[in-house]
């Protein structure tokens, strides 16, 4: 629920709200984590964080390294 709805939820609940959404950046699909943080003057501070690579690393199978002969 990124966008205005997330900001309104942050203001209504008086707590930071976070959501994720795919967006196109420079022709590539990226996963963005959106944060809306309520401020004292009835506005929100919005931040976007690209979590595409972190999510891809989470999906990779775990491999063991450091095997010693």
PDB file of N, CA and C in Angstrom:
ATOM      1  N   UNK A   1       0.825  -1.192   0.000  1.00  0.00           N
ATOM      2  CA  UNK A   1       0.000   0.000   0.000  1.00  0.00           C
ATOM      3  C   UNK A   1       0.867   1.253   0.000  1.00  0.00           C
ATOM      4  N   UNK A   2       1.882   1.337  -0.860  1.00  0.00           N
ATOM      5  CA  UNK A   2       2.681   2.558  -0.873  1.00  0.00           C
ATOM      6  C   UNK A   2       1.890   3.731  -1.427  1.00  0.00           C
ATOM      7  N   UNK A   3       2.438   4.909  -1.231  1.00  0.00           N
ATOM      8  CA  UNK A   3       1.789   6.108  -1.728  1.00  0.00           C
ATOM      9  C   UNK A   3       1.007   6.797  -0.630  1.00  0.00           C
ATOM     10  N   UNK A   4       0.027   7.588  -1.020  1.00  0.00           N
ATOM     11  CA  UNK A   4      -0.744   8.366  -0.052  1.00  0.00           C
ATOM     12  C   UNK A   4      -1.406   7.527   1.039  1.00  0.00           C
ATOM     13  N   UNK A   5      -1.884   6.334   0.683  1.00  0.00           N
ATOM     14  CA  UNK A   5      -2.549   5.499   1.689  1.00  0.00           C
ATOM     15  C   UNK A   5      -1.610   5.148   2.836  1.00  0.00           C
ATOM     16  N   UNK A   6      -0.345   4.889   2.513  1.00  0.00           N
ATOM     17  CA  UNK A   6       0.634   4.558   3.549  1.00  0.00           C
ATOM     18  C   UNK A   6       0.896   5.765   4.440  1.00  0.00           C
ATOM     19  N   UNK A   7       0.985   6.938   3.841  1.00  0.00           N
ATOM     20  CA  UNK A   7       1.188   8.169   4.606  1.00  0.00           C
ATOM     21  C   UNK A   7      -0.009   8.447   5.517  1.00  0.00           C
ATOM     22  N   UNK A   8      -1.210   8.276   5.000  1.00  0.00           N
ATOM     23  CA  UNK A   8      -2.402   8.501   5.824  1.00  0.00           C
ATOM     24  C   UNK A   8      -2.458   7.505   6.987  1.00  0.00           C
ATOM     25  N   UNK A   9      -2.070   6.266   6.736  1.00  0.00           N
ATOM     26  CA  UNK A   9      -2.050   5.265   7.804  1.00  0.00           C
ATOM     27  C   UNK A   9      -1.051   5.650   8.890  1.00  0.00           C
ATOM     28  N   UNK A  10       0.107   6.164   8.489  1.00  0.00           N
ATOM     29  CA  UNK A  10       1.119   6.587   9.457  1.00  0.00           C
ATOM     30  C   UNK A  10       0.590   7.726  10.327  1.00  0.00           C
ATOM     31  N   UNK A  11      -0.106   8.671   9.701  1.00  0.00           N
ATOM     32  CA  UNK A  11      -0.671   9.790  10.461  1.00  0.00           C
ATOM     33  C   UNK A  11      -1.787   9.315  11.385  1.00  0.00           C
ATOM     34  N   UNK A  12      -2.642   8.440  10.876  1.00  0.00           N
ATOM     35  CA  UNK A  12      -3.778   7.952  11.650  1.00  0.00           C
ATOM     36  C   UNK A  12      -3.327   7.120  12.851  1.00  0.00           C
ATOM     37  N   UNK A  13      -2.351   6.244  12.649  1.00  0.00           N
ATOM     38  CA  UNK A  13      -1.882   5.352  13.715  1.00  0.00           C
ATOM     39  C   UNK A  13      -0.770   5.959  14.563  1.00  0.00           C
ATOM     40  N   UNK A  14      -0.249   7.116  14.110  1.00  0.00           N
ATOM     41  CA  UNK A  14       0.828   7.814  14.825  1.00  0.00           C
ATOM     42  C   UNK A  14       2.053   6.913  15.026  1.00  0.00           C
ATOM     43  N   UNK A  15       2.323   6.094  14.007  1.00  0.00           N
ATOM     44  CA  UNK A  15       3.491   5.219  14.038  1.00  0.00           C
ATOM     45  C   UNK A  15       3.975   4.983  12.606  1.00  0.00           C
ATOM     46  N   UNK A  16       5.249   4.694  12.473  1.00  0.00           N
ATOM     47  CA  UNK A  16       5.826   4.463  11.152  1.00  0.00           C
ATOM     48  C   UNK A  16       5.149   3.279  10.472  1.00  0.00           C
ATOM     49  N   UNK A  17       4.969   3.408   9.173  1.00  0.00           N
ATOM     50  CA  UNK A  17       4.365   2.353   8.369  1.00  0.00           C
ATOM     51  C   UNK A  17       5.341   1.970   7.259  1.00  0.00           C
ATOM     52  N   UNK A  18       5.362   0.698   6.918  1.00  0.00           N
ATOM     53  CA  UNK A  18       6.274   0.198   5.889  1.00  0.00           C
ATOM     54  C   UNK A  18       5.510  -0.709   4.941  1.00  0.00           C
ATOM     55  N   UNK A  19       5.875  -0.625   3.666  1.00  0.00           N
ATOM     56  CA  UNK A  19       5.279  -1.464   2.646  1.00  0.00           C
ATOM     57  C   UNK A  19       6.330  -1.735   1.573  1.00  0.00           C
ATOM     58  N   UNK A  20       6.099  -2.739   0.752  1.00  0.00           N
ATOM     59  CA  UNK A  20       7.002  -3.030  -0.352  1.00  0.00           C
ATOM     60  C   UNK A  20       6.218  -3.029  -1.653  1.00  0.00           C
ATOM     61  N   UNK A  21       6.890  -2.592  -2.717  1.00  0.00           N
ATOM     62  CA  UNK A  21       6.261  -2.556  -4.031  1.00  0.00           C
ATOM     63  C   UNK A  21       7.334  -2.651  -5.104  1.00  0.00           C
ATOM     64  N   UNK A  22       6.969  -3.265  -6.215  1.00  0.00           N
ATOM     65  CA  UNK A  22       7.870  -3.294  -7.359  1.00  0.00           C
ATOM     66  C   UNK A  22       7.664  -2.031  -8.182  1.00  0.00           C
ATOM     67  N   UNK A  23       8.766  -1.447  -8.622  1.00  0.00           N
ATOM     68  CA  UNK A  23       8.726  -0.269  -9.479  1.00  0.00           C
ATOM     69  C   UNK A  23       9.755  -0.459 -10.599  1.00  0.00           C
ATOM     70  N   UNK A  24       9.598   0.292 -11.661  1.00  0.00           N
ATOM     71  CA  UNK A  24      10.549   0.265 -12.764  1.00  0.00           C
ATOM     72  C   UNK A  24      11.482   1.459 -12.607  1.00  0.00           C
ATOM     73  N   UNK A  25      12.790   1.165 -12.533  1.00  0.00           N
ATOM     74  CA  UNK A  25      13.818   2.207 -12.400  1.00  0.00           C
ATOM     75  C   UNK A  25      14.824   1.988 -13.525  1.00  0.00           C
ATOM     76  N   UNK A  26      14.977   2.984 -14.376  1.00  0.00           N
ATOM     77  CA  UNK A  26      15.893   2.875 -15.519  1.00  0.00           C
ATOM     78  C   UNK A  26      15.633   1.606 -16.332  1.00  0.00           C
ATOM     79  N   UNK A  27      14.358   1.272 -16.517  1.00  0.00           N
ATOM     80  CA  UNK A  27      13.978   0.137 -17.329  1.00  0.00           C
ATOM     81  C   UNK A  27      14.085  -1.215 -16.640  1.00  0.00           C
ATOM     82  N   UNK A  28      14.451  -1.236 -15.350  1.00  0.00           N
ATOM     83  CA  UNK A  28      14.595  -2.499 -14.627  1.00  0.00           C
ATOM     84  C   UNK A  28      13.605  -2.564 -13.472  1.00  0.00           C
ATOM     85  N   UNK A  29      13.066  -3.760 -13.244  1.00  0.00           N
ATOM     86  CA  UNK A  29      12.116  -3.971 -12.146  1.00  0.00           C
ATOM     87  C   UNK A  29      12.891  -4.074 -10.840  1.00  0.00           C
ATOM     88  N   UNK A  30      12.540  -3.234  -9.866  1.00  0.00           N
ATOM     89  CA  UNK A  30      13.213  -3.205  -8.573  1.00  0.00           C
ATOM     90  C   UNK A  30      12.176  -3.347  -7.470  1.00  0.00           C
ATOM     91  N   UNK A  31      12.572  -3.976  -6.366  1.00  0.00           N
ATOM     92  CA  UNK A  31      11.696  -4.086  -5.203  1.00  0.00           C
ATOM     93  C   UNK A  31      12.080  -2.982  -4.223  1.00  0.00           C
ATOM     94  N   UNK A  32      11.139  -2.115  -3.942  1.00  0.00           N
ATOM     95  CA  UNK A  32      11.388  -0.989  -3.044  1.00  0.00           C
ATOM     96  C   UNK A  32      10.624  -1.186  -1.739  1.00  0.00           C
ATOM     97  N   UNK A  33      11.297  -0.903  -0.642  1.00  0.00           N
ATOM     98  CA  UNK A  33      10.643  -0.875   0.669  1.00  0.00           C
ATOM     99  C   UNK A  33      10.383   0.598   0.972  1.00  0.00           C
ATOM    100  N   UNK A  34       9.121   0.920   1.179  1.00  0.00           N
ATOM    101  CA  UNK A  34       8.682   2.299   1.389  1.00  0.00           C
ATOM    102  C   UNK A  34       8.359   2.497   2.863  1.00  0.00           C
ATOM    103  N   UNK A  35       8.901   3.550   3.443  1.00  0.00           N
ATOM    104  CA  UNK A  35       8.642   3.889   4.848  1.00  0.00           C
ATOM    105  C   UNK A  35       7.959   5.260   4.895  1.00  0.00           C
ATOM    106  N   UNK A  36       6.938   5.381   5.689  1.00  0.00           N
ATOM    107  CA  UNK A  36       6.304   6.675   5.971  1.00  0.00           C
ATOM    108  C   UNK A  36       6.339   6.861   7.484  1.00  0.00           C
ATOM    109  N   UNK A  37       6.962   7.945   7.917  1.00  0.00           N
ATOM    110  CA  UNK A  37       7.163   8.206   9.343  1.00  0.00           C
ATOM    111  C   UNK A  37       6.440   9.495   9.708  1.00  0.00           C
ATOM    112  N   UNK A  38       5.478   9.427  10.632  1.00  0.00           N
ATOM    113  CA  UNK A  38       4.726  10.639  10.980  1.00  0.00           C
ATOM    114  C   UNK A  38       5.611  11.661  11.686  1.00  0.00           C
ATOM    115  N   UNK A  39       5.358  12.923  11.373  1.00  0.00           N
ATOM    116  CA  UNK A  39       6.085  14.035  11.978  1.00  0.00           C
ATOM    117  C   UNK A  39       5.128  14.843  12.868  1.00  0.00           C
ATOM    118  N   UNK A  40       5.684  15.684  13.703  1.00  0.00           N
ATOM    119  CA  UNK A  40       4.859  16.447  14.651  1.00  0.00           C
ATOM    120  C   UNK A  40       3.960  17.478  13.979  1.00  0.00           C
ATOM    121  N   UNK A  41       4.286  17.897  12.765  1.00  0.00           N
ATOM    122  CA  UNK A  41       3.504  18.948  12.102  1.00  0.00           C
ATOM    123  C   UNK A  41       2.439  18.379  11.161  1.00  0.00           C
ATOM    124  N   UNK A  42       1.976  17.164  11.451  1.00  0.00           N
ATOM    125  CA  UNK A  42       0.915  16.502  10.686  1.00  0.00           C
ATOM    126  C   UNK A  42       1.320  16.218   9.238  1.00  0.00           C
ATOM    127  N   UNK A  43       2.603  15.957   9.034  1.00  0.00           N
ATOM    128  CA  UNK A  43       3.111  15.499   7.744  1.00  0.00           C
ATOM    129  C   UNK A  43       3.854  14.190   7.978  1.00  0.00           C
ATOM    130  N   UNK A  44       4.322  13.595   6.906  1.00  0.00           N
ATOM    131  CA  UNK A  44       5.131  12.380   7.055  1.00  0.00           C
ATOM    132  C   UNK A  44       6.456  12.552   6.323  1.00  0.00           C
ATOM    133  N   UNK A  45       7.429  11.819   6.787  1.00  0.00           N
ATOM    134  CA  UNK A  45       8.714  11.720   6.110  1.00  0.00           C
ATOM    135  C   UNK A  45       8.704  10.395   5.366  1.00  0.00           C
ATOM    136  N   UNK A  46       8.847  10.447   4.057  1.00  0.00           N
ATOM    137  CA  UNK A  46       8.818   9.232   3.255  1.00  0.00           C
ATOM    138  C   UNK A  46      10.209   8.847   2.791  1.00  0.00           C
ATOM    139  N   UNK A  47      10.529   7.567   2.909  1.00  0.00           N
ATOM    140  CA  UNK A  47      11.820   7.042   2.476  1.00  0.00           C
ATOM    141  C   UNK A  47      11.588   5.821   1.600  1.00  0.00           C
ATOM    142  N   UNK A  48      12.407   5.668   0.582  1.00  0.00           N
ATOM    143  CA  UNK A  48      12.349   4.482  -0.275  1.00  0.00           C
ATOM    144  C   UNK A  48      13.714   3.811  -0.248  1.00  0.00           C
ATOM    145  N   UNK A  49      13.698   2.504  -0.097  1.00  0.00           N
ATOM    146  CA  UNK A  49      14.927   1.723   0.034  1.00  0.00           C
ATOM    147  C   UNK A  49      14.864   0.575  -0.989  1.00  0.00           C
ATOM    148  N   UNK A  50      15.869   0.478  -1.848  1.00  0.00           N
ATOM    149  CA  UNK A  50      15.917  -0.591  -2.848  1.00  0.00           C
ATOM    150  C   UNK A  50      16.407  -1.865  -2.170  1.00  0.00           C
ATOM    151  N   UNK A  51      15.535  -2.862  -2.062  1.00  0.00           N
ATOM    152  CA  UNK A  51      15.880  -4.115  -1.385  1.00  0.00           C
ATOM    153  C   UNK A  51      15.940  -5.287  -2.369  1.00  0.00           C
ATOM    154  N   UNK A  52      16.052  -4.987  -3.649  1.00  0.00           N
ATOM    155  CA  UNK A  52      16.062  -6.027  -4.676  1.00  0.00           C
ATOM    156  C   UNK A  52      17.174  -7.037  -4.439  1.00  0.00           C
ATOM    157  N   UNK A  53      18.398  -6.564  -4.310  1.00  0.00           N
ATOM    158  CA  UNK A  53      19.539  -7.479  -4.168  1.00  0.00           C
ATOM    159  C   UNK A  53      19.471  -8.266  -2.869  1.00  0.00           C
ATOM    160  N   UNK A  54      19.065  -7.631  -1.792  1.00  0.00           N
ATOM    161  CA  UNK A  54      18.948  -8.340  -0.510  1.00  0.00           C
ATOM    162  C   UNK A  54      17.929  -9.465  -0.618  1.00  0.00           C
ATOM    163  N   UNK A  55      16.808  -9.217  -1.269  1.00  0.00           N
ATOM    164  CA  UNK A  55      15.774 -10.238  -1.425  1.00  0.00           C
ATOM    165  C   UNK A  55      16.270 -11.390  -2.293  1.00  0.00           C
ATOM    166  N   UNK A  56      17.032 -11.063  -3.353  1.00  0.00           N
ATOM    167  CA  UNK A  56      17.581 -12.107  -4.215  1.00  0.00           C
ATOM    168  C   UNK A  56      18.574 -12.976  -3.455  1.00  0.00           C
ATOM    169  N   UNK A  57      19.378 -12.378  -2.594  1.00  0.00           N
ATOM    170  CA  UNK A  57      20.332 -13.146  -1.788  1.00  0.00           C
ATOM    171  C   UNK A  57      19.606 -14.071  -0.816  1.00  0.00           C
ATOM    172  N   UNK A  58      18.485 -13.620  -0.265  1.00  0.00           N
ATOM    173  CA  UNK A  58      17.699 -14.452   0.646  1.00  0.00           C
ATOM    174  C   UNK A  58      17.167 -15.699  -0.064  1.00  0.00           C
ATOM    175  N   UNK A  59      16.897 -15.584  -1.340  1.00  0.00           N
ATOM    176  CA  UNK A  59      16.321 -16.690  -2.102  1.00  0.00           C
ATOM    177  C   UNK A  59      17.366 -17.720  -2.522  1.00  0.00           C
ATOM    178  N   UNK A  60      18.630 -17.342  -2.556  1.00  0.00           N
ATOM    179  CA  UNK A  60      19.683 -18.270  -2.973  1.00  0.00           C
ATOM    180  C   UNK A  60      19.854 -19.366  -1.941  1.00  0.00           C
ATOM    181  N   UNK A  61      20.115 -20.572  -2.419  1.00  0.00           N
ATOM    182  CA  UNK A  61      20.347 -21.661  -1.455  1.00  0.00           C
ATOM    183  C   UNK A  61      21.622 -21.410  -0.655  1.00  0.00           C
ATOM    184  N   UNK A  62      21.577 -21.791   0.589  1.00  0.00           N
ATOM    185  CA  UNK A  62      22.751 -21.640   1.450  1.00  0.00           C
ATOM    186  C   UNK A  62      23.812 -22.643   1.018  1.00  0.00           C
ATOM    187  N   UNK A  63      25.035 -22.196   0.886  1.00  0.00           N
ATOM    188  CA  UNK A  63      26.143 -23.097   0.553  1.00  0.00           C
ATOM    189  C   UNK A  63      27.158 -23.043   1.672  1.00  0.00           C
ATOM    190  N   UNK A  64      27.779 -24.166   1.880  1.00  0.00           N
ATOM    191  CA  UNK A  64      28.804 -24.241   2.916  1.00  0.00           C
ATOM    192  C   UNK A  64      30.146 -23.857   2.297  1.00  0.00           C
ATOM    193  N   UNK A  65      30.878 -23.036   2.995  1.00  0.00           N
ATOM    194  CA  UNK A  65      32.204 -22.667   2.510  1.00  0.00           C
ATOM    195  C   UNK A  65      33.205 -22.936   3.617  1.00  0.00           C
ATOM    196  N   UNK A  66      34.457 -22.939   3.239  1.00  0.00           N
ATOM    197  CA  UNK A  66      35.487 -23.147   4.239  1.00  0.00           C
ATOM    198  C   UNK A  66      35.754 -24.603   4.525  1.00  0.00           C
ATOM    199  N   UNK A  67      35.438 -25.513   3.597  1.00  0.00           N
ATOM    200  CA  UNK A  67      35.740 -26.933   3.807  1.00  0.00           C
ATOM    201  C   UNK A  67      37.253 -27.099   3.840  1.00  0.00           C
ATOM    202  N   UNK A  68      37.725 -27.810   4.785  1.00  0.00           N
ATOM    203  CA  UNK A  68      39.163 -28.043   4.902  1.00  0.00           C
ATOM    204  C   UNK A  68      39.463 -29.500   4.613  1.00  0.00           C
ATOM    205  N   UNK A  69      40.536 -29.722   3.858  1.00  0.00           N
ATOM    206  CA  UNK A  69      40.922 -31.098   3.520  1.00  0.00           C
ATOM    207  C   UNK A  69      41.742 -31.718   4.608  1.00  0.00           C
TER     208      UNK A  69
END
